[in-house]
Amino acid sequence: MDTRSPEKPIIALGSWLQTPVGAYMRAWQQQRLDVLTADIFGFNAVQIGLPQINALRANRMPNKWLTDSCLPPRTEGDDSLPPLALLHDFSELPFASQSLDLVVLPHVLEFVDEPHQLLREVERVLIPEGQVIVCGFNPASMWGLRQLAGRLTGAHFLPQDGEFISVPRLKDWMKLLSMEVNRGHFGCYAPPCVTEKWLNRYGFMERAGDRWWPFLGGVYIVQAIKRVRGMRLVGPAWSRKTATAAKGVPATNSMHKQE
């Protein structure tokens, strides 16, 4: 179903994922997303954009959809990618308010024209205590520095159309929308190499980086929960009479009192 005229596709990132460094990043993110999404429960989950990564593969919700702004390129006989449910403009998500339990944004915020608007839409469609997972390139890394140098020389290491968002900046955006970050993961610590041979040689840095310089990974995954102000979990209603202990002992602070 096509709800609106789709905006420009994230073609640069799709083709970049076919390179050795793109495959290296995709493998790390797929493994991490499988772990994160396996323990998130509910009824409705959506992955927005980048169908080259099956972010909901390990999730067990009964309803899972993939949406994008354009039809992804597919090769004949390729059944590894999830089916595309619908096309839409990223600035207006075609879902009812408070209807989704989980939204995954794999590198979408970096390539849309209005990332703030997309996050506002995500907050709108999430139920209270619903979760959002964001994948992005880390500008505070060797990959980010290499990309910065590439902007000056014209030899880009990462897709050149992306506006990469730092984790502190992303946390600030989410805080304004009452979304509380509860998990963060960094990965892909290998230097910005372009060949599979050199990426394999630096494979040992994945474990070393995770231990010694955990915030300098080339990519990150941030998980946040939508908090609704004024909501709190309550137990059964207790009357003042019930809240009084037997034999006339007054109720303590651990007991519920009627206001």
Protein backbone atom coordinates (compact mmCIF):
# COMPACT_ATOMS: atom_id res chain seq x y z
CA MET A 1 0.00 0.00 0.00
CA ASP A 2 1.40 3.36 -1.00
CA THR A 3 0.09 6.09 1.30
CA ARG A 4 2.06 9.00 -0.16
CA SER A 5 4.57 9.83 -2.84
CA PRO A 6 7.77 8.32 -1.44
CA GLU A 7 10.81 10.48 -0.88
CA LYS A 8 14.26 9.76 -2.25
CA PRO A 9 15.58 6.28 -1.40
CA ILE A 10 18.63 5.69 0.73
CA ILE A 11 20.44 4.25 -2.27
CA ALA A 12 23.93 5.24 -1.16
CA LEU A 13 23.70 3.23 2.04
CA GLY A 14 22.17 0.22 0.30
CA SER A 15 25.04 -0.04 -2.17
CA TRP A 16 27.61 0.69 0.56
CA LEU A 17 26.36 -2.33 2.51
CA GLN A 18 27.56 -4.53 -0.35
CA THR A 19 31.18 -3.45 0.23
CA PRO A 20 33.47 -5.41 2.60
CA VAL A 21 33.19 -2.81 5.36
CA GLY A 22 29.43 -2.62 4.82
CA ALA A 23 29.11 -6.37 5.19
CA TYR A 24 31.25 -6.20 8.34
CA MET A 25 28.94 -3.59 9.86
CA ARG A 26 25.78 -5.38 8.78
CA ALA A 27 26.92 -8.66 10.37
CA TRP A 28 27.62 -6.94 13.71
CA GLN A 29 24.31 -5.09 13.70
CA GLN A 30 22.28 -8.15 12.72
CA GLN A 31 23.77 -10.17 15.57
CA ARG A 32 23.19 -7.40 18.10
CA LEU A 33 19.65 -6.68 16.92
CA ASP A 34 18.77 -10.36 17.17
CA VAL A 35 19.77 -10.30 20.84
CA LEU A 36 18.00 -7.01 21.64
CA THR A 37 14.69 -7.69 19.92
CA ALA A 38 14.29 -11.31 21.07
CA ASP A 39 13.25 -10.20 24.57
CA ILE A 40 10.87 -7.39 23.58
CA PHE A 41 7.27 -8.54 23.79
CA GLY A 42 3.96 -7.15 22.57
CA PHE A 43 1.75 -7.41 19.51
CA ASN A 44 2.94 -4.95 16.83
CA ALA A 45 6.49 -4.21 15.68
CA VAL A 46 7.72 -2.15 12.72
CA GLN A 47 11.08 -1.71 11.04
CA ILE A 48 11.30 1.55 9.12
CA GLY A 49 13.75 1.61 6.23
CA LEU A 50 16.91 -0.29 5.27
CA PRO A 51 15.44 -3.70 4.39
CA GLN A 52 18.98 -5.02 3.81
CA ILE A 53 19.03 -5.57 7.60
CA ASN A 54 16.25 -7.78 8.99
CA ALA A 55 16.01 -6.07 12.37
CA LEU A 56 12.92 -8.02 13.51
CA ARG A 57 14.16 -11.48 12.53
CA ALA A 58 14.45 -12.75 16.13
CA ASN A 59 11.45 -10.91 17.54
CA ARG A 60 8.41 -13.05 18.45
CA MET A 61 5.55 -10.56 18.16
CA PRO A 62 2.60 -11.82 16.08
CA ASN A 63 2.51 -8.74 13.83
CA LYS A 64 5.76 -7.51 12.25
CA TRP A 65 6.05 -5.13 9.31
CA LEU A 66 8.73 -3.54 7.19
CA THR A 67 8.06 -0.09 5.74
CA ASP A 68 10.17 2.16 3.53
CA SER A 69 10.03 5.21 1.31
CA CYS A 70 10.76 3.24 -1.87
CA LEU A 71 10.87 -0.26 -3.25
CA PRO A 72 14.23 -1.87 -2.37
CA PRO A 73 16.27 -3.50 -5.14
CA ARG A 74 16.03 -7.29 -5.04
CA THR A 75 17.89 -9.97 -6.89
CA GLU A 76 16.03 -12.94 -8.30
CA GLY A 77 15.67 -15.73 -5.76
CA ASP A 78 16.66 -13.52 -2.80
CA ASP A 79 14.31 -14.56 0.01
CA SER A 80 16.49 -13.38 2.88
CA LEU A 81 14.92 -9.91 3.05
CA PRO A 82 11.61 -9.37 4.87
CA PRO A 83 8.57 -8.51 2.72
CA LEU A 84 7.80 -4.81 2.32
CA ALA A 85 4.43 -4.00 3.88
CA LEU A 86 3.91 -0.44 2.64
CA LEU A 87 5.54 2.71 1.29
CA HIS A 88 5.20 6.06 2.99
CA ASP A 89 6.75 9.44 3.62
CA PHE A 90 9.07 9.27 6.62
CA SER A 91 7.68 12.52 8.00
CA GLU A 92 4.20 10.98 8.53
CA LEU A 93 3.95 7.38 9.69
CA PRO A 94 0.76 5.63 8.52
CA PHE A 95 -0.06 4.14 11.92
CA ALA A 96 -2.58 5.08 14.57
CA SER A 97 -1.40 6.85 17.69
CA GLN A 98 -0.25 4.49 20.47
CA SER A 99 -0.58 1.40 18.27
CA LEU A 100 2.96 -0.04 18.14
CA ASP A 101 5.02 -1.84 20.77
CA LEU A 102 8.38 -1.59 18.98
CA VAL A 103 9.87 0.59 16.24
CA VAL A 104 13.34 -0.01 14.79
CA LEU A 105 15.15 2.74 12.85
CA PRO A 106 18.29 1.28 11.21
CA HIS A 107 20.31 4.30 9.98
CA VAL A 108 17.15 6.13 8.90
CA LEU A 109 17.57 9.30 10.99
CA GLU A 110 20.90 10.01 9.27
CA PHE A 111 19.41 10.18 5.79
CA VAL A 112 15.93 11.69 6.17
CA ASP A 113 15.37 15.40 5.63
CA GLU A 114 13.62 15.87 8.99
CA PRO A 115 14.98 13.49 11.64
CA HIS A 116 13.25 15.39 14.47
CA GLN A 117 9.88 14.99 12.76
CA LEU A 118 10.45 11.27 12.29
CA LEU A 119 11.27 10.86 15.98
CA ARG A 120 8.12 12.81 16.90
CA GLU A 121 6.09 10.44 14.73
CA VAL A 122 7.73 7.44 16.39
CA GLU A 123 6.82 8.82 19.81
CA ARG A 124 3.24 9.31 18.62
CA VAL A 125 2.71 5.76 17.35
CA LEU A 126 4.39 4.02 20.30
CA ILE A 127 2.25 2.81 23.17
CA PRO A 128 3.22 3.93 26.70
CA GLU A 129 6.31 1.91 27.66
CA GLY A 130 6.81 1.05 23.98
CA GLN A 131 10.38 0.84 22.73
CA VAL A 132 12.43 2.31 19.90
CA ILE A 133 15.80 1.08 18.65
CA VAL A 134 18.04 3.39 16.62
CA CYS A 135 21.14 2.34 14.67
CA GLY A 136 23.64 4.96 13.53
CA PHE A 137 27.20 5.78 12.57
CA ASN A 138 29.29 7.18 15.40
CA PRO A 139 30.97 10.47 14.37
CA ALA A 140 33.24 10.22 17.46
CA SER A 141 35.20 7.26 16.07
CA MET A 142 37.96 6.42 13.61
CA TRP A 143 35.28 5.91 11.00
CA GLY A 144 33.86 9.34 11.75
CA LEU A 145 37.28 10.99 11.50
CA ARG A 146 37.95 9.18 8.23
CA GLN A 147 34.63 10.42 6.87
CA LEU A 148 35.44 13.97 7.96
CA ALA A 149 38.73 13.81 6.09
CA GLY A 150 36.92 12.37 3.09
CA ARG A 151 34.64 15.39 2.93
CA LEU A 152 37.73 17.51 2.37
CA THR A 153 39.45 15.21 -0.12
CA GLY A 154 36.38 13.78 -1.86
CA ALA A 155 37.34 10.19 -0.93
CA HIS A 156 34.39 9.27 1.26
CA PHE A 157 34.60 6.21 3.48
CA LEU A 158 30.93 6.18 4.51
CA PRO A 159 27.91 7.20 2.38
CA GLN A 160 28.42 10.87 1.66
CA ASP A 161 24.78 11.94 1.93
CA GLY A 162 24.43 11.01 5.59
CA GLU A 163 24.32 13.52 8.45
CA PHE A 164 25.66 11.41 11.29
CA ILE A 165 24.24 12.01 14.76
CA SER A 166 26.29 11.60 17.94
CA VAL A 167 24.90 9.55 20.82
CA PRO A 168 24.71 12.53 23.26
CA ARG A 169 22.80 14.51 20.65
CA LEU A 170 20.41 11.62 20.02
CA LYS A 171 19.84 11.25 23.77
CA ASP A 172 18.94 14.94 24.01
CA TRP A 173 16.39 14.59 21.22
CA MET A 174 14.83 11.57 22.88
CA LYS A 175 14.74 13.25 26.28
CA LEU A 176 12.68 16.10 24.82
CA LEU A 177 10.17 13.50 23.63
CA SER A 178 10.03 11.74 27.03
CA MET A 179 11.85 8.71 25.67
CA GLU A 180 14.29 7.29 28.20
CA VAL A 181 17.45 5.64 26.88
CA ASN A 182 18.01 2.40 28.77
CA ARG A 183 20.62 0.64 26.62
CA GLY A 184 23.45 1.57 24.29
CA HIS A 185 25.88 -0.56 22.34
CA PHE A 186 28.94 0.33 20.28
CA GLY A 187 30.65 -1.91 17.76
CA CYS A 188 32.84 -2.15 14.65
CA TYR A 189 36.14 -1.04 16.20
CA ALA A 190 38.30 -2.02 13.22
CA PRO A 191 40.11 0.88 11.52
CA PRO A 192 38.48 2.30 8.37
CA CYS A 193 39.82 -0.36 6.00
CA VAL A 194 38.19 -0.99 2.64
CA THR A 195 39.32 -4.58 2.01
CA GLU A 196 38.12 -7.77 3.66
CA LYS A 197 41.71 -8.89 4.18
CA TRP A 198 42.59 -5.94 6.42
CA LEU A 199 39.26 -6.01 8.23
CA ASN A 200 39.93 -9.62 9.17
CA ARG A 201 43.43 -8.75 10.38
CA TYR A 202 41.96 -6.19 12.77
CA GLY A 203 39.25 -8.55 14.00
CA PHE A 204 40.90 -8.73 17.42
CA MET A 205 40.01 -5.06 17.97
CA GLU A 206 36.32 -5.88 18.32
CA ARG A 207 36.82 -7.45 21.75
CA ALA A 208 39.61 -5.07 22.78
CA GLY A 209 37.62 -2.00 21.79
CA ASP A 210 34.52 -3.18 23.63
CA ARG A 211 36.64 -3.41 26.78
CA TRP A 212 39.12 -0.53 26.56
CA TRP A 213 37.50 2.20 24.45
CA PRO A 214 33.81 1.25 24.34
CA PHE A 215 32.50 4.63 23.11
CA LEU A 216 34.70 4.78 20.00
CA GLY A 217 33.04 2.08 17.90
CA GLY A 218 32.23 2.96 14.31
CA VAL A 219 28.50 2.34 14.80
CA TYR A 220 26.06 2.32 17.70
CA ILE A 221 22.65 0.96 18.66
CA VAL A 222 20.53 2.94 21.14
CA GLN A 223 17.40 1.51 22.78
CA ALA A 224 14.85 3.76 24.49
CA ILE A 225 11.46 3.45 26.22
CA LYS A 226 8.57 5.86 25.84
CA ARG A 227 7.64 7.25 29.24
CA VAL A 228 4.28 8.95 29.82
CA ARG A 229 4.22 11.56 32.56
CA GLY A 230 1.61 11.11 35.24
CA MET A 231 1.32 7.36 34.69
CA ARG A 232 2.28 4.94 37.43
CA LEU A 233 1.59 1.31 38.21
CA VAL A 234 -1.01 0.83 40.96
CA GLY A 235 -2.15 -2.15 42.96
CA PRO A 236 -5.64 -3.04 44.15
CA ALA A 237 -7.65 -0.36 45.93
CA TRP A 238 -7.49 -0.64 49.73
CA SER A 239 -9.98 0.97 52.06
CA ARG A 240 -8.88 2.77 55.23
CA LYS A 241 -10.44 0.00 57.27
CA THR A 242 -8.53 -2.69 55.39
CA ALA A 243 -5.30 -0.75 55.64
CA THR A 244 -5.44 -0.92 59.44
CA ALA A 245 -3.64 -3.92 60.87
CA ALA A 246 -5.32 -6.42 63.12
CA LYS A 247 -5.70 -5.68 66.87
CA GLY A 248 -5.77 -1.93 66.30
CA VAL A 249 -2.16 -1.58 65.12
CA PRO A 250 -2.02 1.51 62.85
CA ALA A 251 -1.06 1.00 59.23
CA THR A 252 2.62 1.47 58.43
CA ASN A 253 4.14 3.26 55.44
CA SER A 254 4.37 -0.06 53.61
CA MET A 255 0.57 -0.31 53.45
CA HIS A 256 -1.72 1.40 50.97
CA LYS A 257 -3.84 4.24 52.33
CA GLN A 258 -6.85 5.83 50.80
CA GLU A 259 -6.17 9.45 50.00
